[in-house]
Amino acid sequence: GYLSPYDLMQLANTVLITNAQRLNPLSGLPGNDAINEYNQGMAERAEARRFVSYIDISNFKPFNDKFGFELGDRAIRILSDLLKKIADITGAFVGHIGGDDFFIGCEGDAVLPVTSMLHSLPRQFSESVSGLVPEEVQVSGVYKGRSRSGKFQEIPLIGITVVGAEYRPDAAMPGPDEIAAQLAKLKSEARKR
């Protein structure tokens, strides 16, 4: 059958509202449901190389506590904008897990350019956020604040931790929960270095 112009507009409006509800309001990126759907779909398409990555802002809580939520939100938007640029160039999927945690995934020919861009992402992020803080913090790279344990100490300026896992063609890929657990373990190991 055919849809009337009114019904077509109603359907389009419903689709727009549904998509908007799935986006994180701060970053404008898809959230956990979309990330899980993406990972599930990627697991079912085993014919190509696949890559998933977890990006986390290091020292975010003390930064937010010291400099305020407005600057913390700006740091999150800076990272989301940098990730959107990678997605625009490569066609990768980018999502906002929540808080200061992000996801990027890609397949096939996008794997190499995405991994290459992720190598330069920590430098780009650091350069972009350094202007958010007073000049003395920019120069020293540290500030006095409370650590997660509540201890008053020198804390390094925020940066990012990027970890990833690649799955070869025809290799089994775990489900979304297992991928999240693998990436969380890699992040923990990376932070110890």
C-alpha atoms as a PDB file:
ATOM      1  CA  GLY A   1       0.000   0.000   0.000  1.00  0.00           C
ATOM      2  CA  TYR A   2       0.797   3.662  -0.069  1.00  0.00           C
ATOM      3  CA  LEU A   3       1.286   6.124   2.749  1.00  0.00           C
ATOM      4  CA  SER A   4      -0.411   9.471   2.710  1.00  0.00           C
ATOM      5  CA  PRO A   5       1.872  12.528   3.020  1.00  0.00           C
ATOM      6  CA  TYR A   6       0.636  12.933   6.608  1.00  0.00           C
ATOM      7  CA  ASP A   7       1.404   9.283   7.490  1.00  0.00           C
ATOM      8  CA  LEU A   8       4.829   9.571   5.845  1.00  0.00           C
ATOM      9  CA  MET A   9       5.608  12.675   7.928  1.00  0.00           C
ATOM     10  CA  GLN A  10       4.429  10.889  11.097  1.00  0.00           C
ATOM     11  CA  LEU A  11       6.661   7.893  10.317  1.00  0.00           C
ATOM     12  CA  ALA A  12       9.669  10.135   9.599  1.00  0.00           C
ATOM     13  CA  ASN A  13       9.062  12.027  12.849  1.00  0.00           C
ATOM     14  CA  THR A  14       8.853   8.768  14.820  1.00  0.00           C
ATOM     15  CA  VAL A  15      12.150   7.570  13.313  1.00  0.00           C
ATOM     16  CA  LEU A  16      13.854  10.887  14.143  1.00  0.00           C
ATOM     17  CA  ILE A  17      12.586  10.828  17.731  1.00  0.00           C
ATOM     18  CA  THR A  18      13.636   7.192  18.211  1.00  0.00           C
ATOM     19  CA  ASN A  19      17.127   7.915  16.854  1.00  0.00           C
ATOM     20  CA  ALA A  20      17.476  11.035  19.013  1.00  0.00           C
ATOM     21  CA  GLN A  21      16.527   9.053  22.121  1.00  0.00           C
ATOM     22  CA  ARG A  22      19.398   6.665  21.411  1.00  0.00           C
ATOM     23  CA  LEU A  23      21.998   9.473  21.358  1.00  0.00           C
ATOM     24  CA  ASN A  24      23.925  10.708  24.370  1.00  0.00           C
ATOM     25  CA  PRO A  25      22.788  14.324  24.863  1.00  0.00           C
ATOM     26  CA  LEU A  26      26.281  15.584  25.731  1.00  0.00           C
ATOM     27  CA  SER A  27      28.288  13.971  22.941  1.00  0.00           C
ATOM     28  CA  GLY A  28      25.565  13.426  20.338  1.00  0.00           C
ATOM     29  CA  LEU A  29      26.880   9.876  19.898  1.00  0.00           C
ATOM     30  CA  PRO A  30      24.939   6.611  20.056  1.00  0.00           C
ATOM     31  CA  GLY A  31      24.839   4.905  23.463  1.00  0.00           C
ATOM     32  CA  ASN A  32      25.156   1.385  24.794  1.00  0.00           C
ATOM     33  CA  ASP A  33      22.186  -0.164  22.975  1.00  0.00           C
ATOM     34  CA  ALA A  34      23.559   0.942  19.604  1.00  0.00           C
ATOM     35  CA  ILE A  35      27.100  -0.147  20.571  1.00  0.00           C
ATOM     36  CA  ASN A  36      25.845  -3.603  21.529  1.00  0.00           C
ATOM     37  CA  GLU A  37      23.842  -3.873  18.294  1.00  0.00           C
ATOM     38  CA  TYR A  38      26.916  -2.848  16.303  1.00  0.00           C
ATOM     39  CA  ASN A  39      29.109  -5.437  18.062  1.00  0.00           C
ATOM     40  CA  GLN A  40      26.491  -8.149  17.573  1.00  0.00           C
ATOM     41  CA  GLY A  41      26.256  -7.374  13.859  1.00  0.00           C
ATOM     42  CA  MET A  42      30.024  -7.299  13.513  1.00  0.00           C
ATOM     43  CA  ALA A  43      30.290 -10.694  15.247  1.00  0.00           C
ATOM     44  CA  GLU A  44      27.893 -12.125  12.674  1.00  0.00           C
ATOM     45  CA  ARG A  45      29.938 -10.753   9.744  1.00  0.00           C
ATOM     46  CA  ALA A  46      33.102 -12.792  10.123  1.00  0.00           C
ATOM     47  CA  GLU A  47      34.348 -12.465   6.547  1.00  0.00           C
ATOM     48  CA  ALA A  48      36.366  -9.270   7.172  1.00  0.00           C
ATOM     49  CA  ARG A  49      38.945  -7.969   9.629  1.00  0.00           C
ATOM     50  CA  ARG A  50      37.209  -6.349  12.585  1.00  0.00           C
ATOM     51  CA  PHE A  51      38.532  -3.925  15.168  1.00  0.00           C
ATOM     52  CA  VAL A  52      37.039  -2.565  18.388  1.00  0.00           C
ATOM     53  CA  SER A  53      38.504   0.071  20.670  1.00  0.00           C
ATOM     54  CA  TYR A  54      37.766   1.549  24.077  1.00  0.00           C
ATOM     55  CA  ILE A  55      38.768   5.155  24.761  1.00  0.00           C
ATOM     56  CA  ASP A  56      38.761   6.534  28.292  1.00  0.00           C
ATOM     57  CA  ILE A  57      39.678   9.968  29.643  1.00  0.00           C
ATOM     58  CA  SER A  58      42.414   9.489  32.265  1.00  0.00           C
ATOM     59  CA  ASN A  59      42.196  11.483  35.516  1.00  0.00           C
ATOM     60  CA  PHE A  60      38.747  12.752  34.557  1.00  0.00           C
ATOM     61  CA  LYS A  61      37.097  12.704  38.003  1.00  0.00           C
ATOM     62  CA  PRO A  62      39.773  14.817  39.726  1.00  0.00           C
ATOM     63  CA  PHE A  63      39.761  17.188  36.715  1.00  0.00           C
ATOM     64  CA  ASN A  64      35.994  17.533  36.932  1.00  0.00           C
ATOM     65  CA  ASP A  65      36.160  18.080  40.699  1.00  0.00           C
ATOM     66  CA  LYS A  66      38.908  20.725  40.421  1.00  0.00           C
ATOM     67  CA  PHE A  67      37.842  22.670  37.322  1.00  0.00           C
ATOM     68  CA  GLY A  68      34.081  22.069  37.321  1.00  0.00           C
ATOM     69  CA  PHE A  69      31.493  20.199  35.300  1.00  0.00           C
ATOM     70  CA  GLU A  70      31.436  22.783  32.529  1.00  0.00           C
ATOM     71  CA  LEU A  71      35.099  22.161  31.666  1.00  0.00           C
ATOM     72  CA  GLY A  72      34.610  18.424  32.172  1.00  0.00           C
ATOM     73  CA  ASP A  73      31.729  18.504  29.698  1.00  0.00           C
ATOM     74  CA  ARG A  74      33.879  20.491  27.257  1.00  0.00           C
ATOM     75  CA  ALA A  75      36.600  17.823  27.501  1.00  0.00           C
ATOM     76  CA  ILE A  76      34.021  15.123  26.725  1.00  0.00           C
ATOM     77  CA  ARG A  77      32.758  17.118  23.728  1.00  0.00           C
ATOM     78  CA  ILE A  78      36.342  17.625  22.494  1.00  0.00           C
ATOM     79  CA  LEU A  79      36.951  13.869  22.551  1.00  0.00           C
ATOM     80  CA  SER A  80      33.607  13.088  20.930  1.00  0.00           C
ATOM     81  CA  ASP A  81      34.348  15.617  18.153  1.00  0.00           C
ATOM     82  CA  LEU A  82      37.766  14.044  17.523  1.00  0.00           C
ATOM     83  CA  LEU A  83      36.160  10.599  17.325  1.00  0.00           C
ATOM     84  CA  LYS A  84      33.420  11.882  14.996  1.00  0.00           C
ATOM     85  CA  LYS A  85      36.152  13.122  12.642  1.00  0.00           C
ATOM     86  CA  ILE A  86      37.646   9.629  12.536  1.00  0.00           C
ATOM     87  CA  ALA A  87      34.189   8.210  11.793  1.00  0.00           C
ATOM     88  CA  ASP A  88      33.539  10.798   9.076  1.00  0.00           C
ATOM     89  CA  ILE A  89      36.829   9.965   7.340  1.00  0.00           C
ATOM     90  CA  THR A  90      36.735   6.169   7.696  1.00  0.00           C
ATOM     91  CA  GLY A  91      33.098   5.199   8.104  1.00  0.00           C
ATOM     92  CA  ALA A  92      33.844   3.680  11.528  1.00  0.00           C
ATOM     93  CA  PHE A  93      31.114   3.389  14.141  1.00  0.00           C
ATOM     94  CA  VAL A  94      31.616   5.609  17.207  1.00  0.00           C
ATOM     95  CA  GLY A  95      29.615   5.394  20.418  1.00  0.00           C
ATOM     96  CA  HIS A  96      29.515   6.955  23.885  1.00  0.00           C
ATOM     97  CA  ILE A  97      29.448   4.246  26.539  1.00  0.00           C
ATOM     98  CA  GLY A  98      28.768   6.867  29.192  1.00  0.00           C
ATOM     99  CA  GLY A  99      30.676   9.291  31.388  1.00  0.00           C
ATOM    100  CA  ASP A 100      34.190   9.572  29.986  1.00  0.00           C
ATOM    101  CA  ASP A 101      34.168   6.216  28.147  1.00  0.00           C
ATOM    102  CA  PHE A 102      33.881   5.850  24.374  1.00  0.00           C
ATOM    103  CA  PHE A 103      33.848   3.080  21.765  1.00  0.00           C
ATOM    104  CA  ILE A 104      34.934   2.864  18.144  1.00  0.00           C
ATOM    105  CA  GLY A 105      34.547  -0.129  15.852  1.00  0.00           C
ATOM    106  CA  CYS A 106      35.252  -0.800  12.201  1.00  0.00           C
ATOM    107  CA  GLU A 107      35.632  -3.534   9.631  1.00  0.00           C
ATOM    108  CA  GLY A 108      37.560  -4.378   6.496  1.00  0.00           C
ATOM    109  CA  ASP A 109      39.514  -1.611   4.792  1.00  0.00           C
ATOM    110  CA  ALA A 110      38.719   0.862   7.596  1.00  0.00           C
ATOM    111  CA  VAL A 111      40.793  -1.059  10.186  1.00  0.00           C
ATOM    112  CA  LEU A 112      44.198   0.276   9.117  1.00  0.00           C
ATOM    113  CA  PRO A 113      43.253   3.980   8.867  1.00  0.00           C
ATOM    114  CA  VAL A 114      41.277   3.840  12.131  1.00  0.00           C
ATOM    115  CA  THR A 115      44.127   2.244  14.075  1.00  0.00           C
ATOM    116  CA  SER A 116      46.543   4.760  12.570  1.00  0.00           C
ATOM    117  CA  MET A 117      44.325   7.691  13.594  1.00  0.00           C
ATOM    118  CA  LEU A 118      43.879   6.265  17.085  1.00  0.00           C
ATOM    119  CA  HIS A 119      47.676   6.316  17.556  1.00  0.00           C
ATOM    120  CA  SER A 120      47.688  10.112  17.177  1.00  0.00           C
ATOM    121  CA  LEU A 121      44.468  10.652  19.162  1.00  0.00           C
ATOM    122  CA  PRO A 122      46.117  11.034  22.622  1.00  0.00           C
ATOM    123  CA  ARG A 123      48.346  13.847  21.324  1.00  0.00           C
ATOM    124  CA  GLN A 124      45.445  15.579  19.572  1.00  0.00           C
ATOM    125  CA  PHE A 125      43.281  15.341  22.670  1.00  0.00           C
ATOM    126  CA  SER A 126      46.025  16.646  24.986  1.00  0.00           C
ATOM    127  CA  GLU A 127      46.681  19.605  22.685  1.00  0.00           C
ATOM    128  CA  SER A 128      42.964  20.366  22.474  1.00  0.00           C
ATOM    129  CA  VAL A 129      42.224  20.250  26.217  1.00  0.00           C
ATOM    130  CA  SER A 130      45.333  22.046  27.450  1.00  0.00           C
ATOM    131  CA  GLY A 131      43.688  25.377  26.611  1.00  0.00           C
ATOM    132  CA  LEU A 132      40.881  24.645  29.065  1.00  0.00           C
ATOM    133  CA  VAL A 133      43.092  25.113  32.134  1.00  0.00           C
ATOM    134  CA  PRO A 134      45.180  27.991  33.546  1.00  0.00           C
ATOM    135  CA  GLU A 135      48.550  28.625  31.896  1.00  0.00           C
ATOM    136  CA  GLU A 136      50.572  27.335  34.875  1.00  0.00           C
ATOM    137  CA  VAL A 137      48.773  23.970  34.598  1.00  0.00           C
ATOM    138  CA  GLN A 138      49.363  23.932  30.835  1.00  0.00           C
ATOM    139  CA  VAL A 139      53.090  24.458  31.406  1.00  0.00           C
ATOM    140  CA  SER A 140      53.556  22.034  34.311  1.00  0.00           C
ATOM    141  CA  GLY A 141      51.023  19.437  33.159  1.00  0.00           C
ATOM    142  CA  VAL A 142      49.878  18.917  36.757  1.00  0.00           C
ATOM    143  CA  TYR A 143      47.622  20.573  39.318  1.00  0.00           C
ATOM    144  CA  LYS A 144      46.853  20.148  43.008  1.00  0.00           C
ATOM    145  CA  GLY A 145      43.692  18.213  43.603  1.00  0.00           C
ATOM    146  CA  ARG A 146      42.077  15.218  45.252  1.00  0.00           C
ATOM    147  CA  SER A 147      42.771  11.780  43.821  1.00  0.00           C
ATOM    148  CA  ARG A 148      40.053   9.137  43.555  1.00  0.00           C
ATOM    149  CA  SER A 149      41.135   7.937  47.002  1.00  0.00           C
ATOM    150  CA  GLY A 150      40.554  11.437  48.412  1.00  0.00           C
ATOM    151  CA  LYS A 151      44.230  12.221  48.942  1.00  0.00           C
ATOM    152  CA  PHE A 152      45.323  15.809  48.121  1.00  0.00           C
ATOM    153  CA  GLN A 153      48.218  15.563  45.647  1.00  0.00           C
ATOM    154  CA  GLU A 154      49.626  16.610  42.288  1.00  0.00           C
ATOM    155  CA  ILE A 155      47.485  15.153  39.540  1.00  0.00           C
ATOM    156  CA  PRO A 156      48.460  14.942  35.867  1.00  0.00           C
ATOM    157  CA  LEU A 157      46.272  16.846  33.417  1.00  0.00           C
ATOM    158  CA  ILE A 158      43.669  14.694  31.711  1.00  0.00           C
ATOM    159  CA  GLY A 159      44.698  12.533  28.796  1.00  0.00           C
ATOM    160  CA  ILE A 160      43.233   9.464  27.164  1.00  0.00           C
ATOM    161  CA  THR A 161      43.841   5.754  27.295  1.00  0.00           C
ATOM    162  CA  VAL A 162      43.143   3.926  24.029  1.00  0.00           C
ATOM    163  CA  VAL A 163      43.003   0.130  23.864  1.00  0.00           C
ATOM    164  CA  GLY A 164      41.782  -2.109  21.089  1.00  0.00           C
ATOM    165  CA  ALA A 165      41.342  -5.649  19.868  1.00  0.00           C
ATOM    166  CA  GLU A 166      41.479  -6.893  16.308  1.00  0.00           C
ATOM    167  CA  TYR A 167      39.698  -9.980  15.017  1.00  0.00           C
ATOM    168  CA  ARG A 168      40.958 -11.608  11.824  1.00  0.00           C
ATOM    169  CA  PRO A 169      38.621 -12.691   9.033  1.00  0.00           C
ATOM    170  CA  ASP A 170      36.766 -15.906   9.831  1.00  0.00           C
ATOM    171  CA  ALA A 171      37.894 -15.732  13.481  1.00  0.00           C
ATOM    172  CA  ALA A 172      35.176 -16.079  16.070  1.00  0.00           C
ATOM    173  CA  MET A 173      34.340 -12.817  17.750  1.00  0.00           C
ATOM    174  CA  PRO A 174      32.868 -12.805  21.249  1.00  0.00           C
ATOM    175  CA  GLY A 175      29.518 -11.254  22.089  1.00  0.00           C
ATOM    176  CA  PRO A 176      29.144  -7.625  23.240  1.00  0.00           C
ATOM    177  CA  ASP A 177      29.544  -8.414  26.961  1.00  0.00           C
ATOM    178  CA  GLU A 178      32.729 -10.395  26.373  1.00  0.00           C
ATOM    179  CA  ILE A 179      34.137  -7.655  24.124  1.00  0.00           C
ATOM    180  CA  ALA A 180      33.459  -5.096  26.857  1.00  0.00           C
ATOM    181  CA  ALA A 181      35.191  -7.318  29.427  1.00  0.00           C
ATOM    182  CA  GLN A 182      38.232  -7.827  27.143  1.00  0.00           C
ATOM    183  CA  LEU A 183      38.575  -4.094  26.499  1.00  0.00           C
ATOM    184  CA  ALA A 184      38.156  -3.260  30.206  1.00  0.00           C
ATOM    185  CA  LYS A 185      40.967  -5.707  31.035  1.00  0.00           C
ATOM    186  CA  LEU A 186      43.206  -4.151  28.354  1.00  0.00           C
ATOM    187  CA  LYS A 187      42.445  -0.681  29.743  1.00  0.00           C
ATOM    188  CA  SER A 188      43.376  -1.778  33.249  1.00  0.00           C
ATOM    189  CA  GLU A 189      46.655  -3.231  31.981  1.00  0.00           C
ATOM    190  CA  ALA A 190      47.425  -0.090  29.935  1.00  0.00           C
ATOM    191  CA  ARG A 191      46.897   2.159  32.962  1.00  0.00           C
ATOM    192  CA  LYS A 192      49.464   0.151  34.941  1.00  0.00           C
ATOM    193  CA  ARG A 193      52.155   1.023  32.381  1.00  0.00           C
END
